[in-house]
PDB file of N, CA and C in Angstrom:
ATOM      1  N   MET A   1      38.767  45.471 -15.402  1.00  0.00           N
ATOM      2  CA  MET A   1      38.445  46.294 -14.245  1.00  0.00           C
ATOM      3  C   MET A   1      38.454  47.761 -14.678  1.00  0.00           C
ATOM      4  N   ASP A   2      37.454  48.525 -14.277  1.00  0.00           N
ATOM      5  CA  ASP A   2      37.429  49.947 -14.604  1.00  0.00           C
ATOM      6  C   ASP A   2      38.055  50.738 -13.466  1.00  0.00           C
ATOM      7  N   ASP A   3      38.217  52.066 -13.663  1.00  0.00           N
ATOM      8  CA  ASP A   3      38.861  52.926 -12.679  1.00  0.00           C
ATOM      9  C   ASP A   3      37.950  53.291 -11.530  1.00  0.00           C
ATOM     10  N   SER A   4      36.661  52.982 -11.623  1.00  0.00           N
ATOM     11  CA  SER A   4      35.714  53.519 -10.651  1.00  0.00           C
ATOM     12  C   SER A   4      35.894  52.973  -9.248  1.00  0.00           C
ATOM     13  N   GLY A   5      36.306  51.734  -9.102  1.00  0.00           N
ATOM     14  CA  GLY A   5      36.403  51.194  -7.759  1.00  0.00           C
ATOM     15  C   GLY A   5      37.756  50.617  -7.431  1.00  0.00           C
ATOM     16  N   ALA A   6      38.668  50.610  -8.368  1.00  0.00           N
ATOM     17  CA  ALA A   6      39.986  50.023  -8.187  1.00  0.00           C
ATOM     18  C   ALA A   6      39.838  48.645  -7.559  1.00  0.00           C
ATOM     19  N   LEU A   7      40.611  48.328  -6.523  1.00  0.00           N
ATOM     20  CA  LEU A   7      40.546  47.024  -5.888  1.00  0.00           C
ATOM     21  C   LEU A   7      39.630  47.011  -4.675  1.00  0.00           C
ATOM     22  N   LEU A   8      39.047  48.148  -4.328  1.00  0.00           N
ATOM     23  CA  LEU A   8      38.240  48.229  -3.122  1.00  0.00           C
ATOM     24  C   LEU A   8      36.821  47.752  -3.350  1.00  0.00           C
ATOM     25  N   ASP A   9      36.315  47.025  -2.404  1.00  0.00           N
ATOM     26  CA  ASP A   9      34.934  46.580  -2.379  1.00  0.00           C
ATOM     27  C   ASP A   9      34.036  47.808  -2.251  1.00  0.00           C
ATOM     28  N   PRO A  10      32.909  47.895  -2.972  1.00  0.00           N
ATOM     29  CA  PRO A  10      32.021  49.066  -2.877  1.00  0.00           C
ATOM     30  C   PRO A  10      31.569  49.358  -1.448  1.00  0.00           C
ATOM     31  N   ASN A  11      31.408  48.326  -0.613  1.00  0.00           N
ATOM     32  CA  ASN A  11      31.007  48.554   0.779  1.00  0.00           C
ATOM     33  C   ASN A  11      32.091  49.287   1.560  1.00  0.00           C
ATOM     34  N   ILE A  12      33.346  48.997   1.257  1.00  0.00           N
ATOM     35  CA  ILE A  12      34.455  49.688   1.919  1.00  0.00           C
ATOM     36  C   ILE A  12      34.450  51.157   1.524  1.00  0.00           C
ATOM     37  N   LEU A  13      34.226  51.422   0.227  1.00  0.00           N
ATOM     38  CA  LEU A  13      34.168  52.815  -0.222  1.00  0.00           C
ATOM     39  C   LEU A  13      33.068  53.571   0.517  1.00  0.00           C
ATOM     40  N   LYS A  14      31.909  52.927   0.716  1.00  0.00           N
ATOM     41  CA  LYS A  14      30.817  53.575   1.443  1.00  0.00           C
ATOM     42  C   LYS A  14      31.209  53.857   2.881  1.00  0.00           C
ATOM     43  N   GLU A  15      31.888  52.895   3.531  1.00  0.00           N
ATOM     44  CA  GLU A  15      32.337  53.103   4.914  1.00  0.00           C
ATOM     45  C   GLU A  15      33.290  54.281   4.998  1.00  0.00           C
ATOM     46  N   LEU A  16      34.220  54.363   4.044  1.00  0.00           N
ATOM     47  CA  LEU A  16      35.193  55.449   4.050  1.00  0.00           C
ATOM     48  C   LEU A  16      34.520  56.789   3.797  1.00  0.00           C
ATOM     49  N   GLU A  17      33.565  56.822   2.870  1.00  0.00           N
ATOM     50  CA  GLU A  17      32.860  58.062   2.575  1.00  0.00           C
ATOM     51  C   GLU A  17      32.062  58.562   3.780  1.00  0.00           C
ATOM     52  N   MET A  18      31.596  57.626   4.623  1.00  0.00           N
ATOM     53  CA  MET A  18      30.797  58.004   5.781  1.00  0.00           C
ATOM     54  C   MET A  18      31.662  58.476   6.941  1.00  0.00           C
ATOM     55  N   GLY A  19      32.978  58.586   6.713  1.00  0.00           N
ATOM     56  CA  GLY A  19      33.828  59.188   7.730  1.00  0.00           C
ATOM     57  C   GLY A  19      34.742  58.245   8.453  1.00  0.00           C
ATOM     58  N   GLY A  20      34.650  56.961   8.217  1.00  0.00           N
ATOM     59  CA  GLY A  20      35.553  56.034   8.887  1.00  0.00           C
ATOM     60  C   GLY A  20      36.942  56.122   8.290  1.00  0.00           C
ATOM     61  N   ASP A  21      37.953  56.192   9.144  1.00  0.00           N
ATOM     62  CA  ASP A  21      39.324  56.241   8.653  1.00  0.00           C
ATOM     63  C   ASP A  21      39.790  54.888   8.148  1.00  0.00           C
ATOM     64  N   ARG A  22      39.277  53.821   8.754  1.00  0.00           N
ATOM     65  CA  ARG A  22      39.741  52.496   8.416  1.00  0.00           C
ATOM     66  C   ARG A  22      38.523  51.596   8.250  1.00  0.00           C
ATOM     67  N   PRO A  23      38.398  50.935   7.099  1.00  0.00           N
ATOM     68  CA  PRO A  23      37.245  50.057   6.919  1.00  0.00           C
ATOM     69  C   PRO A  23      37.304  48.892   7.896  1.00  0.00           C
ATOM     70  N   THR A  24      36.119  48.492   8.373  1.00  0.00           N
ATOM     71  CA  THR A  24      36.070  47.394   9.327  1.00  0.00           C
ATOM     72  C   THR A  24      35.930  46.054   8.632  1.00  0.00           C
ATOM     73  N   SER A  25      35.499  46.058   7.371  1.00  0.00           N
ATOM     74  CA  SER A  25      35.257  44.786   6.694  1.00  0.00           C
ATOM     75  C   SER A  25      36.483  44.249   5.986  1.00  0.00           C
ATOM     76  N   GLY A  26      37.543  45.017   5.813  1.00  0.00           N
ATOM     77  CA  GLY A  26      38.749  44.538   5.148  1.00  0.00           C
ATOM     78  C   GLY A  26      38.554  44.426   3.646  1.00  0.00           C
ATOM     79  N   LEU A  27      39.594  44.050   2.931  1.00  0.00           N
ATOM     80  CA  LEU A  27      39.508  43.865   1.492  1.00  0.00           C
ATOM     81  C   LEU A  27      38.781  42.571   1.190  1.00  0.00           C
ATOM     82  N   GLY A  28      37.951  42.587   0.191  1.00  0.00           N
ATOM     83  CA  GLY A  28      37.277  41.378  -0.244  1.00  0.00           C
ATOM     84  C   GLY A  28      36.203  40.906   0.710  1.00  0.00           C
ATOM     85  N   GLY A  29      35.855  41.690   1.690  1.00  0.00           N
ATOM     86  CA  GLY A  29      34.767  41.361   2.601  1.00  0.00           C
ATOM     87  C   GLY A  29      35.150  40.371   3.670  1.00  0.00           C
ATOM     88  N   GLY A  30      35.210  40.797   4.902  1.00  0.00           N
ATOM     89  CA  GLY A  30      35.389  39.916   6.035  1.00  0.00           C
ATOM     90  C   GLY A  30      36.769  39.317   6.217  1.00  0.00           C
ATOM     91  N   ILE A  31      37.809  39.902   5.651  1.00  0.00           N
ATOM     92  CA  ILE A  31      39.146  39.337   5.780  1.00  0.00           C
ATOM     93  C   ILE A  31      39.709  39.606   7.168  1.00  0.00           C
ATOM     94  N   GLY A  32      39.430  40.759   7.749  1.00  0.00           N
ATOM     95  CA  GLY A  32      39.925  41.092   9.078  1.00  0.00           C
ATOM     96  C   GLY A  32      41.215  41.869   9.025  1.00  0.00           C
ATOM     97  N   LEU A  33      41.558  42.467  10.162  1.00  0.00           N
ATOM     98  CA  LEU A  33      42.741  43.299  10.236  1.00  0.00           C
ATOM     99  C   LEU A  33      43.796  42.630  11.091  1.00  0.00           C
ATOM    100  N   GLY A  34      45.069  42.860  10.726  1.00  0.00           N
ATOM    101  CA  GLY A  34      46.188  42.350  11.504  1.00  0.00           C
ATOM    102  C   GLY A  34      46.503  43.305  12.646  1.00  0.00           C
ATOM    103  N   ALA A  35      47.562  42.991  13.389  1.00  0.00           N
ATOM    104  CA  ALA A  35      47.965  43.792  14.540  1.00  0.00           C
ATOM    105  C   ALA A  35      48.367  45.207  14.137  1.00  0.00           C
ATOM    106  N   ASP A  36      48.853  45.382  12.901  1.00  0.00           N
ATOM    107  CA  ASP A  36      49.273  46.705  12.434  1.00  0.00           C
ATOM    108  C   ASP A  36      48.114  47.524  11.868  1.00  0.00           C
ATOM    109  N   GLY A  37      46.894  47.003  11.910  1.00  0.00           N
ATOM    110  CA  GLY A  37      45.727  47.721  11.415  1.00  0.00           C
ATOM    111  C   GLY A  37      45.494  47.563   9.929  1.00  0.00           C
ATOM    112  N   LEU A  38      46.345  46.815   9.243  1.00  0.00           N
ATOM    113  CA  LEU A  38      46.193  46.577   7.812  1.00  0.00           C
ATOM    114  C   LEU A  38      45.505  45.228   7.599  1.00  0.00           C
ATOM    115  N   PRO A  39      44.820  45.065   6.471  1.00  0.00           N
ATOM    116  CA  PRO A  39      44.224  43.762   6.176  1.00  0.00           C
ATOM    117  C   PRO A  39      45.294  42.676   6.221  1.00  0.00           C
ATOM    118  N   LYS A  40      44.938  41.506   6.732  1.00  0.00           N
ATOM    119  CA  LYS A  40      45.905  40.425   6.915  1.00  0.00           C
ATOM    120  C   LYS A  40      46.570  39.996   5.612  1.00  0.00           C
ATOM    121  N   ASN A  41      45.871  40.106   4.499  1.00  0.00           N
ATOM    122  CA  ASN A  41      46.451  39.684   3.227  1.00  0.00           C
ATOM    123  C   ASN A  41      47.105  40.836   2.460  1.00  0.00           C
ATOM    124  N   MET A  42      47.374  41.952   3.129  1.00  0.00           N
ATOM    125  CA  MET A  42      47.985  43.115   2.472  1.00  0.00           C
ATOM    126  C   MET A  42      49.361  42.783   1.902  1.00  0.00           C
ATOM    127  N   GLU A  43      50.038  41.802   2.485  1.00  0.00           N
ATOM    128  CA  GLU A  43      51.367  41.402   2.001  1.00  0.00           C
ATOM    129  C   GLU A  43      51.317  41.025   0.518  1.00  0.00           C
ATOM    130  N   LEU A  44      50.180  40.534   0.041  1.00  0.00           N
ATOM    131  CA  LEU A  44      50.035  40.174  -1.369  1.00  0.00           C
ATOM    132  C   LEU A  44      50.220  41.372  -2.290  1.00  0.00           C
ATOM    133  N   LEU A  45      49.951  42.581  -1.790  1.00  0.00           N
ATOM    134  CA  LEU A  45      50.032  43.786  -2.616  1.00  0.00           C
ATOM    135  C   LEU A  45      51.363  44.520  -2.504  1.00  0.00           C
ATOM    136  N   MET A  46      52.212  44.135  -1.583  1.00  0.00           N
ATOM    137  CA  MET A  46      53.431  44.895  -1.298  1.00  0.00           C
ATOM    138  C   MET A  46      54.414  44.943  -2.459  1.00  0.00           C
ATOM    139  N   ASP A  47      54.378  43.995  -3.382  1.00  0.00           N
ATOM    140  CA  ASP A  47      55.296  43.989  -4.520  1.00  0.00           C
ATOM    141  C   ASP A  47      54.687  44.590  -5.789  1.00  0.00           C
ATOM    142  N   VAL A  48      53.496  45.153  -5.691  1.00  0.00           N
ATOM    143  CA  VAL A  48      52.859  45.760  -6.858  1.00  0.00           C
ATOM    144  C   VAL A  48      53.559  47.088  -7.152  1.00  0.00           C
ATOM    145  N   SER A  49      53.965  47.281  -8.397  1.00  0.00           N
ATOM    146  CA  SER A  49      54.643  48.511  -8.803  1.00  0.00           C
ATOM    147  C   SER A  49      53.630  49.604  -9.107  1.00  0.00           C
ATOM    148  N   LEU A  50      53.942  50.810  -8.678  1.00  0.00           N
ATOM    149  CA  LEU A  50      53.122  51.986  -8.954  1.00  0.00           C
ATOM    150  C   LEU A  50      54.002  53.059  -9.578  1.00  0.00           C
ATOM    151  N   GLU A  51      53.427  53.838 -10.469  1.00  0.00           N
ATOM    152  CA  GLU A  51      54.157  54.940 -11.078  1.00  0.00           C
ATOM    153  C   GLU A  51      53.958  56.194 -10.236  1.00  0.00           C
ATOM    154  N   VAL A  52      55.047  56.718  -9.704  1.00  0.00           N
ATOM    155  CA  VAL A  52      54.999  57.939  -8.909  1.00  0.00           C
ATOM    156  C   VAL A  52      55.631  59.039  -9.727  1.00  0.00           C
ATOM    157  N   SER A  53      54.924  60.150  -9.885  1.00  0.00           N
ATOM    158  CA  SER A  53      55.469  61.288 -10.630  1.00  0.00           C
ATOM    159  C   SER A  53      55.218  62.568  -9.847  1.00  0.00           C
ATOM    160  N   VAL A  54      56.073  63.544 -10.079  1.00  0.00           N
ATOM    161  CA  VAL A  54      55.961  64.849  -9.441  1.00  0.00           C
ATOM    162  C   VAL A  54      55.774  65.877 -10.542  1.00  0.00           C
ATOM    163  N   ARG A  55      54.734  66.672 -10.410  1.00  0.00           N
ATOM    164  CA  ARG A  55      54.432  67.681 -11.429  1.00  0.00           C
ATOM    165  C   ARG A  55      54.823  69.054 -10.924  1.00  0.00           C
ATOM    166  N   LEU A  56      55.746  69.641 -11.636  1.00  0.00           N
ATOM    167  CA  LEU A  56      56.256  70.953 -11.294  1.00  0.00           C
ATOM    168  C   LEU A  56      55.304  72.046 -11.749  1.00  0.00           C
ATOM    169  N   GLY A  57      54.634  71.823 -12.844  1.00  0.00           N
ATOM    170  CA  GLY A  57      53.700  72.788 -13.416  1.00  0.00           C
ATOM    171  C   GLY A  57      53.357  72.358 -14.828  1.00  0.00           C
ATOM    172  N   GLN A  58      52.591  73.170 -15.511  1.00  0.00           N
ATOM    173  CA  GLN A  58      52.237  72.835 -16.889  1.00  0.00           C
ATOM    174  C   GLN A  58      51.955  74.103 -17.669  1.00  0.00           C
ATOM    175  N   VAL A  59      51.984  73.958 -18.971  1.00  0.00           N
ATOM    176  CA  VAL A  59      51.690  75.071 -19.867  1.00  0.00           C
ATOM    177  C   VAL A  59      51.150  74.486 -21.173  1.00  0.00           C
ATOM    178  N   LYS A  60      50.254  75.204 -21.819  1.00  0.00           N
ATOM    179  CA  LYS A  60      49.773  74.795 -23.141  1.00  0.00           C
ATOM    180  C   LYS A  60      50.538  75.610 -24.170  1.00  0.00           C
ATOM    181  N   MET A  61      51.001  74.914 -25.206  1.00  0.00           N
ATOM    182  CA  MET A  61      51.760  75.576 -26.269  1.00  0.00           C
ATOM    183  C   MET A  61      51.246  75.110 -27.623  1.00  0.00           C
ATOM    184  N   GLN A  62      51.350  75.993 -28.579  1.00  0.00           N
ATOM    185  CA  GLN A  62      51.031  75.602 -29.948  1.00  0.00           C
ATOM    186  C   GLN A  62      52.242  74.890 -30.534  1.00  0.00           C
ATOM    187  N   ILE A  63      52.000  74.029 -31.482  1.00  0.00           N
ATOM    188  CA  ILE A  63      53.083  73.254 -32.088  1.00  0.00           C
ATOM    189  C   ILE A  63      54.156  74.168 -32.658  1.00  0.00           C
ATOM    190  N   ARG A  64      53.780  75.288 -33.282  1.00  0.00           N
ATOM    191  CA  ARG A  64      54.775  76.187 -33.874  1.00  0.00           C
ATOM    192  C   ARG A  64      55.724  76.733 -32.815  1.00  0.00           C
ATOM    193  N   ASP A  65      55.188  77.015 -31.609  1.00  0.00           N
ATOM    194  CA  ASP A  65      56.038  77.516 -30.530  1.00  0.00           C
ATOM    195  C   ASP A  65      56.922  76.409 -29.961  1.00  0.00           C
ATOM    196  N   LEU A  66      56.393  75.210 -29.892  1.00  0.00           N
ATOM    197  CA  LEU A  66      57.159  74.073 -29.406  1.00  0.00           C
ATOM    198  C   LEU A  66      58.340  73.781 -30.328  1.00  0.00           C
ATOM    199  N   LEU A  67      58.119  73.885 -31.636  1.00  0.00           N
ATOM    200  CA  LEU A  67      59.179  73.604 -32.608  1.00  0.00           C
ATOM    201  C   LEU A  67      60.269  74.677 -32.602  1.00  0.00           C
ATOM    202  N   LYS A  68      60.000  75.838 -32.067  1.00  0.00           N
ATOM    203  CA  LYS A  68      60.993  76.917 -31.994  1.00  0.00           C
ATOM    204  C   LYS A  68      61.953  76.757 -30.812  1.00  0.00           C
ATOM    205  N   LEU A  69      61.658  75.827 -29.901  1.00  0.00           N
ATOM    206  CA  LEU A  69      62.501  75.650 -28.721  1.00  0.00           C
ATOM    207  C   LEU A  69      63.868  75.086 -29.087  1.00  0.00           C
ATOM    208  N   ASN A  70      64.894  75.626 -28.472  1.00  0.00           N
ATOM    209  CA  ASN A  70      66.260  75.149 -28.640  1.00  0.00           C
ATOM    210  C   ASN A  70      66.849  74.882 -27.266  1.00  0.00           C
ATOM    211  N   LYS A  71      68.030  74.316 -27.248  1.00  0.00           N
ATOM    212  CA  LYS A  71      68.733  74.097 -25.997  1.00  0.00           C
ATOM    213  C   LYS A  71      68.910  75.433 -25.287  1.00  0.00           C
ATOM    214  N   GLY A  72      68.560  75.473 -24.004  1.00  0.00           N
ATOM    215  CA  GLY A  72      68.681  76.700 -23.223  1.00  0.00           C
ATOM    216  C   GLY A  72      67.418  77.550 -23.213  1.00  0.00           C
ATOM    217  N   ALA A  73      66.403  77.157 -23.999  1.00  0.00           N
ATOM    218  CA  ALA A  73      65.150  77.909 -24.026  1.00  0.00           C
ATOM    219  C   ALA A  73      64.449  77.775 -22.679  1.00  0.00           C
ATOM    220  N   LEU A  74      63.728  78.791 -22.284  1.00  0.00           N
ATOM    221  CA  LEU A  74      62.974  78.776 -21.039  1.00  0.00           C
ATOM    222  C   LEU A  74      61.494  78.641 -21.340  1.00  0.00           C
ATOM    223  N   ILE A  75      60.822  77.817 -20.542  1.00  0.00           N
ATOM    224  CA  ILE A  75      59.375  77.645 -20.660  1.00  0.00           C
ATOM    225  C   ILE A  75      58.771  78.090 -19.346  1.00  0.00           C
ATOM    226  N   GLU A  76      57.918  79.093 -19.402  1.00  0.00           N
ATOM    227  CA  GLU A  76      57.285  79.595 -18.187  1.00  0.00           C
ATOM    228  C   GLU A  76      56.093  78.716 -17.841  1.00  0.00           C
ATOM    229  N   LEU A  77      56.106  78.207 -16.609  1.00  0.00           N
ATOM    230  CA  LEU A  77      55.026  77.347 -16.141  1.00  0.00           C
ATOM    231  C   LEU A  77      53.983  78.182 -15.418  1.00  0.00           C
ATOM    232  N   GLY A  78      52.793  77.647 -15.295  1.00  0.00           N
ATOM    233  CA  GLY A  78      51.700  78.387 -14.684  1.00  0.00           C
ATOM    234  C   GLY A  78      51.683  78.326 -13.166  1.00  0.00           C
ATOM    235  N   LYS A  79      52.849  78.229 -12.525  1.00  0.00           N
ATOM    236  CA  LYS A  79      52.915  78.172 -11.066  1.00  0.00           C
ATOM    237  C   LYS A  79      53.925  79.181 -10.559  1.00  0.00           C
ATOM    238  N   GLU A  80      53.692  79.624  -9.332  1.00  0.00           N
ATOM    239  CA  GLU A  80      54.645  80.503  -8.662  1.00  0.00           C
ATOM    240  C   GLU A  80      55.787  79.657  -8.091  1.00  0.00           C
ATOM    241  N   ALA A  81      56.929  80.278  -7.824  1.00  0.00           N
ATOM    242  CA  ALA A  81      58.102  79.553  -7.327  1.00  0.00           C
ATOM    243  C   ALA A  81      57.835  78.869  -5.991  1.00  0.00           C
ATOM    244  N   ASP A  82      56.986  79.450  -5.147  1.00  0.00           N
ATOM    245  CA  ASP A  82      56.745  78.859  -3.829  1.00  0.00           C
ATOM    246  C   ASP A  82      55.497  77.977  -3.775  1.00  0.00           C
ATOM    247  N   ASP A  83      54.838  77.724  -4.909  1.00  0.00           N
ATOM    248  CA  ASP A  83      53.682  76.829  -4.945  1.00  0.00           C
ATOM    249  C   ASP A  83      54.140  75.390  -4.714  1.00  0.00           C
ATOM    250  N   PRO A  84      53.324  74.583  -4.034  1.00  0.00           N
ATOM    251  CA  PRO A  84      53.712  73.187  -3.813  1.00  0.00           C
ATOM    252  C   PRO A  84      53.678  72.384  -5.109  1.00  0.00           C
ATOM    253  N   LEU A  85      54.523  71.357  -5.153  1.00  0.00           N
ATOM    254  CA  LEU A  85      54.537  70.431  -6.277  1.00  0.00           C
ATOM    255  C   LEU A  85      53.446  69.394  -6.059  1.00  0.00           C
ATOM    256  N   GLU A  86      52.909  68.847  -7.124  1.00  0.00           N
ATOM    257  CA  GLU A  86      51.881  67.818  -7.022  1.00  0.00           C
ATOM    258  C   GLU A  86      52.529  66.445  -7.147  1.00  0.00           C
ATOM    259  N   ILE A  87      52.217  65.555  -6.216  1.00  0.00           N
ATOM    260  CA  ILE A  87      52.723  64.191  -6.247  1.00  0.00           C
ATOM    261  C   ILE A  87      51.578  63.289  -6.695  1.00  0.00           C
ATOM    262  N   HIS A  88      51.789  62.606  -7.807  1.00  0.00           N
ATOM    263  CA  HIS A  88      50.765  61.739  -8.392  1.00  0.00           C
ATOM    264  C   HIS A  88      51.209  60.289  -8.316  1.00  0.00           C
ATOM    265  N   VAL A  89      50.281  59.402  -8.031  1.00  0.00           N
ATOM    266  CA  VAL A  89      50.527  57.961  -8.074  1.00  0.00           C
ATOM    267  C   VAL A  89      49.555  57.389  -9.093  1.00  0.00           C
ATOM    268  N   ASN A  90      50.101  56.745 -10.111  1.00  0.00           N
ATOM    269  CA  ASN A  90      49.297  56.234 -11.224  1.00  0.00           C
ATOM    270  C   ASN A  90      48.359  57.310 -11.766  1.00  0.00           C
ATOM    271  N   ASN A  91      48.898  58.495 -11.966  1.00  0.00           N
ATOM    272  CA  ASN A  91      48.181  59.644 -12.528  1.00  0.00           C
ATOM    273  C   ASN A  91      47.036  60.148 -11.669  1.00  0.00           C
ATOM    274  N   ARG A  92      47.048  59.835 -10.388  1.00  0.00           N
ATOM    275  CA  ARG A  92      46.038  60.332  -9.446  1.00  0.00           C
ATOM    276  C   ARG A  92      46.738  61.183  -8.399  1.00  0.00           C
ATOM    277  N   LEU A  93      46.227  62.378  -8.170  1.00  0.00           N
ATOM    278  CA  LEU A  93      46.817  63.270  -7.179  1.00  0.00           C
ATOM    279  C   LEU A  93      46.731  62.642  -5.792  1.00  0.00           C
ATOM    280  N   LEU A  94      47.876  62.529  -5.126  1.00  0.00           N
ATOM    281  CA  LEU A  94      47.922  61.930  -3.796  1.00  0.00           C
ATOM    282  C   LEU A  94      48.351  62.936  -2.729  1.00  0.00           C
ATOM    283  N   ALA A  95      49.314  63.811  -3.090  1.00  0.00           N
ATOM    284  CA  ALA A  95      49.874  64.694  -2.072  1.00  0.00           C
ATOM    285  C   ALA A  95      50.521  65.906  -2.730  1.00  0.00           C
ATOM    286  N   TYR A  96      50.949  66.828  -1.869  1.00  0.00           N
ATOM    287  CA  TYR A  96      51.706  68.000  -2.299  1.00  0.00           C
ATOM    288  C   TYR A  96      53.047  67.978  -1.581  1.00  0.00           C
ATOM    289  N   GLY A  97      54.063  68.581  -2.183  1.00  0.00           N
ATOM    290  CA  GLY A  97      55.368  68.567  -1.558  1.00  0.00           C
ATOM    291  C   GLY A  97      56.245  69.701  -2.020  1.00  0.00           C
ATOM    292  N   GLU A  98      57.485  69.678  -1.522  1.00  0.00           N
ATOM    293  CA  GLU A  98      58.473  70.689  -1.877  1.00  0.00           C
ATOM    294  C   GLU A  98      59.789  70.002  -2.189  1.00  0.00           C
ATOM    295  N   VAL A  99      60.604  70.649  -3.008  1.00  0.00           N
ATOM    296  CA  VAL A  99      61.890  70.097  -3.405  1.00  0.00           C
ATOM    297  C   VAL A  99      62.883  70.244  -2.262  1.00  0.00           C
ATOM    298  N   VAL A 100      63.670  69.184  -2.027  1.00  0.00           N
ATOM    299  CA  VAL A 100      64.746  69.219  -1.044  1.00  0.00           C
ATOM    300  C   VAL A 100      66.002  68.627  -1.682  1.00  0.00           C
ATOM    301  N   MET A 101      67.153  69.012  -1.148  1.00  0.00           N
ATOM    302  CA  MET A 101      68.436  68.435  -1.585  1.00  0.00           C
ATOM    303  C   MET A 101      68.846  67.383  -0.562  1.00  0.00           C
ATOM    304  N   ILE A 102      69.165  66.199  -1.036  1.00  0.00           N
ATOM    305  CA  ILE A 102      69.655  65.118  -0.194  1.00  0.00           C
ATOM    306  C   ILE A 102      71.027  64.752  -0.750  1.00  0.00           C
ATOM    307  N   LYS A 103      72.067  65.214  -0.070  1.00  0.00           N
ATOM    308  CA  LYS A 103      73.445  65.130  -0.569  1.00  0.00           C
ATOM    309  C   LYS A 103      73.477  65.844  -1.910  1.00  0.00           C
ATOM    310  N   ASP A 104      73.762  65.135  -2.996  1.00  0.00           N
ATOM    311  CA  ASP A 104      73.818  65.795  -4.305  1.00  0.00           C
ATOM    312  C   ASP A 104      72.629  65.442  -5.187  1.00  0.00           C
ATOM    313  N   LYS A 105      71.545  64.948  -4.587  1.00  0.00           N
ATOM    314  CA  LYS A 105      70.363  64.550  -5.353  1.00  0.00           C
ATOM    315  C   LYS A 105      69.147  65.344  -4.898  1.00  0.00           C
ATOM    316  N   LEU A 106      68.193  65.468  -5.808  1.00  0.00           N
ATOM    317  CA  LEU A 106      66.934  66.130  -5.482  1.00  0.00           C
ATOM    318  C   LEU A 106      65.952  65.127  -4.897  1.00  0.00           C
ATOM    319  N   GLY A 107      65.118  65.589  -3.999  1.00  0.00           N
ATOM    320  CA  GLY A 107      64.070  64.757  -3.422  1.00  0.00           C
ATOM    321  C   GLY A 107      62.833  65.606  -3.213  1.00  0.00           C
ATOM    322  N   ILE A 108      61.784  64.989  -2.741  1.00  0.00           N
ATOM    323  CA  ILE A 108      60.525  65.678  -2.473  1.00  0.00           C
ATOM    324  C   ILE A 108      60.122  65.405  -1.033  1.00  0.00           C
ATOM    325  N   ARG A 109      59.845  66.462  -0.289  1.00  0.00           N
ATOM    326  CA  ARG A 109      59.300  66.323   1.069  1.00  0.00           C
ATOM    327  C   ARG A 109      57.790  66.503   0.963  1.00  0.00           C
ATOM    328  N   ILE A 110      57.049  65.529   1.449  1.00  0.00           N
ATOM    329  CA  ILE A 110      55.586  65.623   1.420  1.00  0.00           C
ATOM    330  C   ILE A 110      55.156  66.624   2.484  1.00  0.00           C
ATOM    331  N   THR A 111      54.384  67.616   2.055  1.00  0.00           N
ATOM    332  CA  THR A 111      53.918  68.656   2.970  1.00  0.00           C
ATOM    333  C   THR A 111      52.440  68.523   3.294  1.00  0.00           C
ATOM    334  N   ASP A 112      51.681  67.868   2.416  1.00  0.00           N
ATOM    335  CA  ASP A 112      50.244  67.722   2.643  1.00  0.00           C
ATOM    336  C   ASP A 112      49.737  66.540   1.833  1.00  0.00           C
ATOM    337  N   ILE A 113      48.884  65.733   2.435  1.00  0.00           N
ATOM    338  CA  ILE A 113      48.279  64.606   1.731  1.00  0.00           C
ATOM    339  C   ILE A 113      46.835  64.967   1.427  1.00  0.00           C
ATOM    340  N   VAL A 114      46.405  64.650   0.221  1.00  0.00           N
ATOM    341  CA  VAL A 114      45.048  64.947  -0.218  1.00  0.00           C
ATOM    342  C   VAL A 114      44.066  64.242   0.717  1.00  0.00           C
ATOM    343  N   SER A 115      42.970  64.887   1.042  1.00  0.00           N
ATOM    344  CA  SER A 115      41.984  64.315   1.962  1.00  0.00           C
ATOM    345  C   SER A 115      41.424  63.004   1.426  1.00  0.00           C
ATOM    346  N   LEU A 116      40.946  62.184   2.338  1.00  0.00           N
ATOM    347  CA  LEU A 116      40.375  60.893   1.971  1.00  0.00           C
ATOM    348  C   LEU A 116      39.221  61.062   0.989  1.00  0.00           C
ATOM    349  N   ALA A 117      38.364  62.039   1.223  1.00  0.00           N
ATOM    350  CA  ALA A 117      37.220  62.276   0.322  1.00  0.00           C
ATOM    351  C   ALA A 117      37.706  62.638  -1.080  1.00  0.00           C
ATOM    352  N   GLU A 118      38.754  63.458  -1.163  1.00  0.00           N
ATOM    353  CA  GLU A 118      39.275  63.869  -2.469  1.00  0.00           C
ATOM    354  C   GLU A 118      39.949  62.689  -3.178  1.00  0.00           C
ATOM    355  N   ARG A 119      40.654  61.837  -2.424  1.00  0.00           N
ATOM    356  CA  ARG A 119      41.269  60.652  -3.026  1.00  0.00           C
ATOM    357  C   ARG A 119      40.211  59.710  -3.565  1.00  0.00           C
ATOM    358  N   LEU A 120      39.120  59.516  -2.825  1.00  0.00           N
ATOM    359  CA  LEU A 120      38.034  58.659  -3.305  1.00  0.00           C
ATOM    360  C   LEU A 120      37.411  59.232  -4.567  1.00  0.00           C
ATOM    361  N   GLU A 121      37.248  60.532  -4.615  1.00  0.00           N
ATOM    362  CA  GLU A 121      36.705  61.192  -5.811  1.00  0.00           C
ATOM    363  C   GLU A 121      37.632  60.984  -6.997  1.00  0.00           C
ATOM    364  N   ASN A 122      38.960  61.066  -6.774  1.00  0.00           N
ATOM    365  CA  ASN A 122      39.939  60.844  -7.840  1.00  0.00           C
ATOM    366  C   ASN A 122      39.877  59.416  -8.356  1.00  0.00           C
ATOM    367  N   LEU A 123      39.538  58.444  -7.504  1.00  0.00           N
ATOM    368  CA  LEU A 123      39.416  57.056  -7.960  1.00  0.00           C
ATOM    369  C   LEU A 123      38.267  56.905  -8.948  1.00  0.00           C
ATOM    370  N   ARG A 124      37.240  57.699  -8.798  1.00  0.00           N
ATOM    371  CA  ARG A 124      36.059  57.570  -9.664  1.00  0.00           C
ATOM    372  C   ARG A 124      36.256  58.211 -11.033  1.00  0.00           C
ATOM    373  N   ARG A 125      37.257  59.047 -11.175  1.00  0.00           N
ATOM    374  CA  ARG A 125      37.470  59.734 -12.463  1.00  0.00           C
ATOM    375  C   ARG A 125      38.110  58.840 -13.478  1.00  0.00           C
TER     376      ARG A 125
END
């Protein structure tokens, strides 16, 4: 399977691109929707693992500069302190968020979800 269509039927992608929030044909063509608005066989996908990562920023460095780093060294990232963090699922941008403290642990509050059109475009890359 290539990255261009993931698990979605091409007809569903066309429906979504034309502005529909929810495909009417379901996964695999004609499966139908349950009471919760999800395809009836969606339960089959609920145990699939996905890699979720949060990107704070990035920087390009030459190997010589990378090798000079020691404990306590600072690396300046190409983002401002108040810029949103990027939330990626399987290396695809899904949302933006901000860091929060939950007791003594860090968490991410989602502040914005990437538009449906942009998510579909990311699937094709």
